[in-house]
Amino acid sequence: MDKTVKNTADAVKDIGDGATIMIGGFGGSGAPIELIHALIDRRPTGLTVINNNAGNGRIGIAAMIDAGMVRKMICSFPRSSDPRAFTDRYLAGEIELELVPQGTLAERIRAGGAGIPAFYTPTAYGTELAEGKPIAEFDGRHYVQERWLKADFAIVKAYLGDRHGNLTYNKAGRNFNPLMCMAATTTIAQVSRIVAPGEIDPEHVVTPGLFVNRIAEVEHPQQEEDLIRAGVSYA
């Protein structure tokens, strides 16, 4: 099955108002900037965004927030070198925040992909993040129940992909991306190069095409940090 689409605009064309979207990346590493900007061009609103952070500068997720597209952020690190977009909206009461410890965020996403509705972790016990959540004791230690995270869409960045959607990543660019591919109803990937099926060694495939619905080639992807240093603002 050929899962390629002709461009990033086609890839995100059915993401509508109110969708829950997982967006890959750890800061700028592995962040699908071109897919995010294609989504901004469409301007869906009322979105719930799941990402490690809440955007930086005036590009990527921060530009989504500036455009008024995001209703709620679920993330572990809402601060950055330039967090104005999120901070201004949050202080004005225009965006919700669900703060999740980083390891717990990864495990909640993994649980969503694995079909595990809840699990226990000691991470947030005794803090405000545990308020209202079930607590259990195992072997003399207290644990907090955390629920899975799933999404309508995941938009991710990989290095290589084939027409069947098999993906491999570039070093640290892997981060949350493979987990998110498994936890979404529809996964959309941008890759630097699309190759023919069989050109990626099966031993090197990180995300099997089973978990990918669409793939778009972005030959020279932009890097978040470079755009921020250049003072780019995506409107």
C-alpha atoms as a PDB file:
ATOM      1  CA  MET A   1       0.000   0.000   0.000  1.00  0.00           C
ATOM      2  CA  ASP A   2       1.403   3.363  -1.044  1.00  0.00           C
ATOM      3  CA  LYS A   3       0.945   5.801   1.857  1.00  0.00           C
ATOM      4  CA  THR A   4       2.761   8.749   0.306  1.00  0.00           C
ATOM      5  CA  VAL A   5       1.046  12.101  -0.206  1.00  0.00           C
ATOM      6  CA  LYS A   6       2.276  14.848  -2.491  1.00  0.00           C
ATOM      7  CA  ASN A   7       2.951  17.488   0.168  1.00  0.00           C
ATOM      8  CA  THR A   8       2.509  18.454   3.818  1.00  0.00           C
ATOM      9  CA  ALA A   9      -0.717  20.356   3.103  1.00  0.00           C
ATOM     10  CA  ASP A  10      -2.331  17.169   1.799  1.00  0.00           C
ATOM     11  CA  ALA A  11      -1.001  15.256   4.776  1.00  0.00           C
ATOM     12  CA  VAL A  12      -2.873  17.361   7.364  1.00  0.00           C
ATOM     13  CA  LYS A  13      -5.945  18.345   5.351  1.00  0.00           C
ATOM     14  CA  ASP A  14      -8.447  16.392   7.476  1.00  0.00           C
ATOM     15  CA  ILE A  15      -7.307  17.588  10.919  1.00  0.00           C
ATOM     16  CA  GLY A  16     -10.341  19.500  12.098  1.00  0.00           C
ATOM     17  CA  ASP A  17     -11.578  21.593  14.992  1.00  0.00           C
ATOM     18  CA  GLY A  18     -11.444  19.972  18.418  1.00  0.00           C
ATOM     19  CA  ALA A  19      -8.931  17.264  17.480  1.00  0.00           C
ATOM     20  CA  THR A  20      -6.413  15.834  19.930  1.00  0.00           C
ATOM     21  CA  ILE A  21      -2.959  15.844  18.335  1.00  0.00           C
ATOM     22  CA  MET A  22       0.316  14.328  19.481  1.00  0.00           C
ATOM     23  CA  ILE A  23       3.296  16.213  18.082  1.00  0.00           C
ATOM     24  CA  GLY A  24       6.708  14.555  18.166  1.00  0.00           C
ATOM     25  CA  GLY A  25       9.929  16.186  19.221  1.00  0.00           C
ATOM     26  CA  PHE A  26      12.091  16.975  22.220  1.00  0.00           C
ATOM     27  CA  GLY A  27      12.472  20.699  21.840  1.00  0.00           C
ATOM     28  CA  GLY A  28      13.580  21.070  18.233  1.00  0.00           C
ATOM     29  CA  SER A  29      14.992  17.557  17.934  1.00  0.00           C
ATOM     30  CA  GLY A  30      12.581  15.458  15.902  1.00  0.00           C
ATOM     31  CA  ALA A  31       9.984  18.231  15.698  1.00  0.00           C
ATOM     32  CA  PRO A  32       7.909  18.102  12.464  1.00  0.00           C
ATOM     33  CA  ILE A  33       8.076  21.836  11.747  1.00  0.00           C
ATOM     34  CA  GLU A  34       6.810  21.625   8.168  1.00  0.00           C
ATOM     35  CA  LEU A  35       3.752  19.574   9.149  1.00  0.00           C
ATOM     36  CA  ILE A  36       2.997  21.971  12.016  1.00  0.00           C
ATOM     37  CA  HIS A  37       3.206  24.977   9.720  1.00  0.00           C
ATOM     38  CA  ALA A  38       0.996  23.265   7.137  1.00  0.00           C
ATOM     39  CA  LEU A  39      -1.546  22.769   9.914  1.00  0.00           C
ATOM     40  CA  ILE A  40      -1.309  26.441  10.885  1.00  0.00           C
ATOM     41  CA  ASP A  41      -2.153  27.345   7.303  1.00  0.00           C
ATOM     42  CA  ARG A  42      -5.455  25.448   7.770  1.00  0.00           C
ATOM     43  CA  ARG A  43      -6.252  27.070  11.167  1.00  0.00           C
ATOM     44  CA  PRO A  44      -8.324  24.389  12.947  1.00  0.00           C
ATOM     45  CA  THR A  45      -9.265  25.531  16.450  1.00  0.00           C
ATOM     46  CA  GLY A  46     -10.011  24.032  19.863  1.00  0.00           C
ATOM     47  CA  LEU A  47      -7.101  21.606  19.610  1.00  0.00           C
ATOM     48  CA  THR A  48      -5.605  19.579  22.441  1.00  0.00           C
ATOM     49  CA  VAL A  49      -1.865  19.238  21.833  1.00  0.00           C
ATOM     50  CA  ILE A  50       0.334  16.594  23.481  1.00  0.00           C
ATOM     51  CA  ASN A  51       4.041  17.350  23.290  1.00  0.00           C
ATOM     52  CA  ASN A  52       7.064  17.388  25.574  1.00  0.00           C
ATOM     53  CA  ASN A  53       6.953  21.195  25.735  1.00  0.00           C
ATOM     54  CA  ALA A  54       4.661  24.107  24.954  1.00  0.00           C
ATOM     55  CA  GLY A  55       6.510  25.724  22.106  1.00  0.00           C
ATOM     56  CA  ASN A  56       9.384  28.135  21.695  1.00  0.00           C
ATOM     57  CA  GLY A  57       9.719  31.482  19.958  1.00  0.00           C
ATOM     58  CA  ARG A  58       7.133  32.236  17.280  1.00  0.00           C
ATOM     59  CA  ILE A  59       7.330  29.077  15.175  1.00  0.00           C
ATOM     60  CA  GLY A  60       6.049  25.507  15.449  1.00  0.00           C
ATOM     61  CA  ILE A  61       3.759  24.829  18.408  1.00  0.00           C
ATOM     62  CA  ALA A  62       4.283  28.361  19.710  1.00  0.00           C
ATOM     63  CA  ALA A  63       2.925  29.702  16.411  1.00  0.00           C
ATOM     64  CA  MET A  64      -0.094  27.403  16.766  1.00  0.00           C
ATOM     65  CA  ILE A  65      -0.741  28.932  20.176  1.00  0.00           C
ATOM     66  CA  ASP A  66      -0.234  32.468  18.816  1.00  0.00           C
ATOM     67  CA  ALA A  67      -2.832  31.689  16.137  1.00  0.00           C
ATOM     68  CA  GLY A  68      -5.402  30.760  18.795  1.00  0.00           C
ATOM     69  CA  MET A  69      -5.608  27.147  17.630  1.00  0.00           C
ATOM     70  CA  VAL A  70      -4.795  25.397  20.917  1.00  0.00           C
ATOM     71  CA  ARG A  71      -7.350  24.943  23.703  1.00  0.00           C
ATOM     72  CA  LYS A  72      -5.212  22.719  25.942  1.00  0.00           C
ATOM     73  CA  MET A  73      -1.567  21.667  26.259  1.00  0.00           C
ATOM     74  CA  ILE A  74      -0.564  18.352  27.806  1.00  0.00           C
ATOM     75  CA  CYS A  75       3.187  18.523  28.354  1.00  0.00           C
ATOM     76  CA  SER A  76       6.042  18.126  30.799  1.00  0.00           C
ATOM     77  CA  PHE A  77       7.957  21.351  30.174  1.00  0.00           C
ATOM     78  CA  PRO A  78       5.883  24.480  29.420  1.00  0.00           C
ATOM     79  CA  ARG A  79       8.941  26.744  29.700  1.00  0.00           C
ATOM     80  CA  SER A  80      11.613  27.322  27.061  1.00  0.00           C
ATOM     81  CA  SER A  81      14.182  29.920  26.055  1.00  0.00           C
ATOM     82  CA  ASP A  82      11.321  32.028  24.653  1.00  0.00           C
ATOM     83  CA  PRO A  83       7.996  30.831  26.147  1.00  0.00           C
ATOM     84  CA  ARG A  84       5.993  34.001  25.444  1.00  0.00           C
ATOM     85  CA  ALA A  85       3.310  32.396  23.287  1.00  0.00           C
ATOM     86  CA  PHE A  86       2.206  29.871  25.897  1.00  0.00           C
ATOM     87  CA  THR A  87       2.886  32.052  28.941  1.00  0.00           C
ATOM     88  CA  ASP A  88       0.873  35.003  27.665  1.00  0.00           C
ATOM     89  CA  ARG A  89      -2.150  32.829  26.793  1.00  0.00           C
ATOM     90  CA  TYR A  90      -1.950  30.859  30.018  1.00  0.00           C
ATOM     91  CA  LEU A  91      -1.791  33.938  32.254  1.00  0.00           C
ATOM     92  CA  ALA A  92      -4.740  35.378  30.329  1.00  0.00           C
ATOM     93  CA  GLY A  93      -6.752  32.191  30.992  1.00  0.00           C
ATOM     94  CA  GLU A  94      -6.961  31.405  27.279  1.00  0.00           C
ATOM     95  CA  ILE A  95      -5.275  28.005  27.325  1.00  0.00           C
ATOM     96  CA  GLU A  96      -5.399  25.027  29.691  1.00  0.00           C
ATOM     97  CA  LEU A  97      -2.364  23.130  30.946  1.00  0.00           C
ATOM     98  CA  GLU A  98      -2.075  19.540  32.098  1.00  0.00           C
ATOM     99  CA  LEU A  99       1.419  19.207  33.526  1.00  0.00           C
ATOM    100  CA  VAL A 100       2.877  15.698  33.384  1.00  0.00           C
ATOM    101  CA  PRO A 101       6.333  14.533  34.556  1.00  0.00           C
ATOM    102  CA  GLN A 102       8.428  13.665  31.521  1.00  0.00           C
ATOM    103  CA  GLY A 103       8.810   9.938  32.175  1.00  0.00           C
ATOM    104  CA  THR A 104       5.132   9.677  33.041  1.00  0.00           C
ATOM    105  CA  LEU A 105       4.231  11.464  29.813  1.00  0.00           C
ATOM    106  CA  ALA A 106       6.236   8.959  27.780  1.00  0.00           C
ATOM    107  CA  GLU A 107       4.697   6.025  29.633  1.00  0.00           C
ATOM    108  CA  ARG A 108       1.145   7.372  29.286  1.00  0.00           C
ATOM    109  CA  ILE A 109       1.672   7.613  25.530  1.00  0.00           C
ATOM    110  CA  ARG A 110       3.242   4.146  25.406  1.00  0.00           C
ATOM    111  CA  ALA A 111       0.314   2.780  27.410  1.00  0.00           C
ATOM    112  CA  GLY A 112      -2.112   4.318  24.924  1.00  0.00           C
ATOM    113  CA  GLY A 113      -0.391   2.512  22.073  1.00  0.00           C
ATOM    114  CA  ALA A 114      -0.184  -0.761  23.994  1.00  0.00           C
ATOM    115  CA  GLY A 115      -3.844  -0.764  25.057  1.00  0.00           C
ATOM    116  CA  ILE A 116      -3.095  -0.348  28.776  1.00  0.00           C
ATOM    117  CA  PRO A 117      -5.737   2.017  30.224  1.00  0.00           C
ATOM    118  CA  ALA A 118      -3.906   2.801  33.492  1.00  0.00           C
ATOM    119  CA  PHE A 119      -0.706   2.102  35.418  1.00  0.00           C
ATOM    120  CA  TYR A 120       0.912   3.088  38.717  1.00  0.00           C
ATOM    121  CA  THR A 121       4.032   5.201  39.226  1.00  0.00           C
ATOM    122  CA  PRO A 122       5.551   6.813  42.348  1.00  0.00           C
ATOM    123  CA  THR A 123       6.702   9.910  40.475  1.00  0.00           C
ATOM    124  CA  ALA A 124       4.043  12.468  41.437  1.00  0.00           C
ATOM    125  CA  TYR A 125       3.090  11.070  44.862  1.00  0.00           C
ATOM    126  CA  GLY A 126       2.802  13.788  47.499  1.00  0.00           C
ATOM    127  CA  THR A 127       2.635  16.630  44.968  1.00  0.00           C
ATOM    128  CA  GLU A 128      -0.161  18.703  43.471  1.00  0.00           C
ATOM    129  CA  LEU A 129       0.038  16.582  40.332  1.00  0.00           C
ATOM    130  CA  ALA A 130      -1.366  13.622  42.278  1.00  0.00           C
ATOM    131  CA  GLU A 131      -4.447  15.452  43.546  1.00  0.00           C
ATOM    132  CA  GLY A 132      -7.673  13.645  42.660  1.00  0.00           C
ATOM    133  CA  LYS A 133      -5.884  10.553  41.337  1.00  0.00           C
ATOM    134  CA  PRO A 134      -6.174   7.070  42.893  1.00  0.00           C
ATOM    135  CA  ILE A 135      -3.301   6.149  45.217  1.00  0.00           C
ATOM    136  CA  ALA A 136      -2.249   2.591  46.015  1.00  0.00           C
ATOM    137  CA  GLU A 137       0.471   1.060  48.186  1.00  0.00           C
ATOM    138  CA  PHE A 138       2.741  -1.669  46.841  1.00  0.00           C
ATOM    139  CA  ASP A 139       5.504  -3.208  48.968  1.00  0.00           C
ATOM    140  CA  GLY A 140       5.359  -0.310  51.404  1.00  0.00           C
ATOM    141  CA  ARG A 141       5.596   2.460  48.800  1.00  0.00           C
ATOM    142  CA  HIS A 142       2.842   4.746  47.518  1.00  0.00           C
ATOM    143  CA  TYR A 143       2.030   4.961  43.833  1.00  0.00           C
ATOM    144  CA  VAL A 144      -0.192   7.246  41.750  1.00  0.00           C
ATOM    145  CA  GLN A 145      -2.528   5.876  39.108  1.00  0.00           C
ATOM    146  CA  GLU A 146      -1.996   7.487  35.714  1.00  0.00           C
ATOM    147  CA  ARG A 147      -4.235   7.038  32.664  1.00  0.00           C
ATOM    148  CA  TRP A 148      -3.189   6.297  29.118  1.00  0.00           C
ATOM    149  CA  LEU A 149      -2.947   9.037  26.501  1.00  0.00           C
ATOM    150  CA  LYS A 150      -4.357   8.549  23.014  1.00  0.00           C
ATOM    151  CA  ALA A 151      -4.942  10.973  20.152  1.00  0.00           C
ATOM    152  CA  ASP A 152      -6.917  11.446  16.984  1.00  0.00           C
ATOM    153  CA  PHE A 153      -3.730  12.317  15.098  1.00  0.00           C
ATOM    154  CA  ALA A 154       0.018  12.089  15.583  1.00  0.00           C
ATOM    155  CA  ILE A 155       2.305  14.247  13.469  1.00  0.00           C
ATOM    156  CA  VAL A 156       5.911  13.122  13.597  1.00  0.00           C
ATOM    157  CA  LYS A 157       9.291  13.558  11.972  1.00  0.00           C
ATOM    158  CA  ALA A 158      11.532  10.714  10.825  1.00  0.00           C
ATOM    159  CA  TYR A 159      14.668  10.502   8.714  1.00  0.00           C
ATOM    160  CA  LEU A 160      13.855   7.788   6.171  1.00  0.00           C
ATOM    161  CA  GLY A 161      10.549   6.256   5.205  1.00  0.00           C
ATOM    162  CA  ASP A 162       9.369   3.906   2.497  1.00  0.00           C
ATOM    163  CA  ARG A 163       6.102   3.982   0.588  1.00  0.00           C
ATOM    164  CA  HIS A 164       4.584   1.487   3.048  1.00  0.00           C
ATOM    165  CA  GLY A 165       5.219   3.875   5.948  1.00  0.00           C
ATOM    166  CA  ASN A 166       8.136   2.091   7.616  1.00  0.00           C
ATOM    167  CA  LEU A 167      10.247   4.691   9.435  1.00  0.00           C
ATOM    168  CA  THR A 168      13.733   5.128  10.811  1.00  0.00           C
ATOM    169  CA  TYR A 169      14.953   8.135  12.808  1.00  0.00           C
ATOM    170  CA  ASN A 170      18.068  10.255  13.086  1.00  0.00           C
ATOM    171  CA  LYS A 171      19.683   9.707  16.494  1.00  0.00           C
ATOM    172  CA  ALA A 172      18.014  11.873  19.201  1.00  0.00           C
ATOM    173  CA  GLY A 173      15.283  12.814  16.715  1.00  0.00           C
ATOM    174  CA  ARG A 174      13.663   9.507  17.638  1.00  0.00           C
ATOM    175  CA  ASN A 175      12.498  10.624  21.151  1.00  0.00           C
ATOM    176  CA  PHE A 176       8.674  10.602  21.515  1.00  0.00           C
ATOM    177  CA  ASN A 177       7.950   9.986  17.836  1.00  0.00           C
ATOM    178  CA  PRO A 178       7.728   6.149  17.775  1.00  0.00           C
ATOM    179  CA  LEU A 179       5.496   6.083  20.870  1.00  0.00           C
ATOM    180  CA  MET A 180       3.139   8.653  19.396  1.00  0.00           C
ATOM    181  CA  CYS A 181       2.850   6.711  16.137  1.00  0.00           C
ATOM    182  CA  MET A 182       1.364   3.829  18.109  1.00  0.00           C
ATOM    183  CA  ALA A 183      -1.010   5.889  20.247  1.00  0.00           C
ATOM    184  CA  ALA A 184      -2.923   7.787  17.544  1.00  0.00           C
ATOM    185  CA  THR A 185      -5.809   6.806  15.306  1.00  0.00           C
ATOM    186  CA  THR A 186      -4.089   8.478  12.334  1.00  0.00           C
ATOM    187  CA  THR A 187      -0.324   8.976  12.120  1.00  0.00           C
ATOM    188  CA  ILE A 188       1.202  11.448   9.669  1.00  0.00           C
ATOM    189  CA  ALA A 189       4.969  11.451   9.140  1.00  0.00           C
ATOM    190  CA  GLN A 190       7.352  13.786   7.374  1.00  0.00           C
ATOM    191  CA  VAL A 191      10.665  12.284   6.268  1.00  0.00           C
ATOM    192  CA  SER A 192      13.783  13.645   4.616  1.00  0.00           C
ATOM    193  CA  ARG A 193      13.665  10.950   1.971  1.00  0.00           C
ATOM    194  CA  ILE A 194      11.139   8.386   0.760  1.00  0.00           C
ATOM    195  CA  VAL A 195      12.640   5.174  -0.571  1.00  0.00           C
ATOM    196  CA  ALA A 196      11.221   2.065  -2.189  1.00  0.00           C
ATOM    197  CA  PRO A 197       9.966  -0.789  -0.012  1.00  0.00           C
ATOM    198  CA  GLY A 198      12.888  -3.021   0.904  1.00  0.00           C
ATOM    199  CA  GLU A 199      15.518  -0.270   0.801  1.00  0.00           C
ATOM    200  CA  ILE A 200      15.400   0.115   4.580  1.00  0.00           C
ATOM    201  CA  ASP A 201      17.019  -2.855   6.312  1.00  0.00           C
ATOM    202  CA  PRO A 202      14.220  -4.515   8.325  1.00  0.00           C
ATOM    203  CA  GLU A 203      16.577  -4.559  11.319  1.00  0.00           C
ATOM    204  CA  HIS A 204      16.706  -0.751  11.153  1.00  0.00           C
ATOM    205  CA  VAL A 205      12.957  -0.119  11.015  1.00  0.00           C
ATOM    206  CA  VAL A 206      11.908   1.574  14.263  1.00  0.00           C
ATOM    207  CA  THR A 207       8.268   2.296  13.428  1.00  0.00           C
ATOM    208  CA  PRO A 208       6.584  -0.350  11.252  1.00  0.00           C
ATOM    209  CA  GLY A 209       4.317   0.950   8.513  1.00  0.00           C
ATOM    210  CA  LEU A 210       1.372  -0.642  10.333  1.00  0.00           C
ATOM    211  CA  PHE A 211       1.338   2.420  12.591  1.00  0.00           C
ATOM    212  CA  VAL A 212       1.689   5.056   9.834  1.00  0.00           C
ATOM    213  CA  ASN A 213      -1.173   6.281   7.649  1.00  0.00           C
ATOM    214  CA  ARG A 214       0.460   9.029   5.564  1.00  0.00           C
ATOM    215  CA  ILE A 215       4.000  10.016   4.696  1.00  0.00           C
ATOM    216  CA  ALA A 216       5.258  13.216   3.057  1.00  0.00           C
ATOM    217  CA  GLU A 217       8.777  13.960   1.877  1.00  0.00           C
ATOM    218  CA  VAL A 218      10.447  17.130   3.157  1.00  0.00           C
ATOM    219  CA  GLU A 219      13.908  16.971   1.630  1.00  0.00           C
ATOM    220  CA  HIS A 220      15.507  19.745   3.674  1.00  0.00           C
ATOM    221  CA  PRO A 221      13.567  20.024   6.942  1.00  0.00           C
ATOM    222  CA  GLN A 222      13.919  23.183   8.983  1.00  0.00           C
ATOM    223  CA  GLN A 223      15.346  23.095  12.484  1.00  0.00           C
ATOM    224  CA  GLU A 224      13.461  24.906  15.244  1.00  0.00           C
ATOM    225  CA  GLU A 225      16.564  26.350  16.882  1.00  0.00           C
ATOM    226  CA  ASP A 226      17.852  27.804  13.598  1.00  0.00           C
ATOM    227  CA  LEU A 227      14.520  29.501  12.953  1.00  0.00           C
ATOM    228  CA  ILE A 228      14.441  30.974  16.449  1.00  0.00           C
ATOM    229  CA  ARG A 229      17.991  32.326  16.151  1.00  0.00           C
ATOM    230  CA  ALA A 230      17.002  33.911  12.845  1.00  0.00           C
ATOM    231  CA  GLY A 231      14.011  35.603  14.504  1.00  0.00           C
ATOM    232  CA  VAL A 232      11.485  33.859  12.245  1.00  0.00           C
ATOM    233  CA  SER A 233       7.795  34.286  13.088  1.00  0.00           C
ATOM    234  CA  TYR A 234       5.301  31.976  11.364  1.00  0.00           C
ATOM    235  CA  ALA A 235       1.904  33.613  11.099  1.00  0.00           C
END
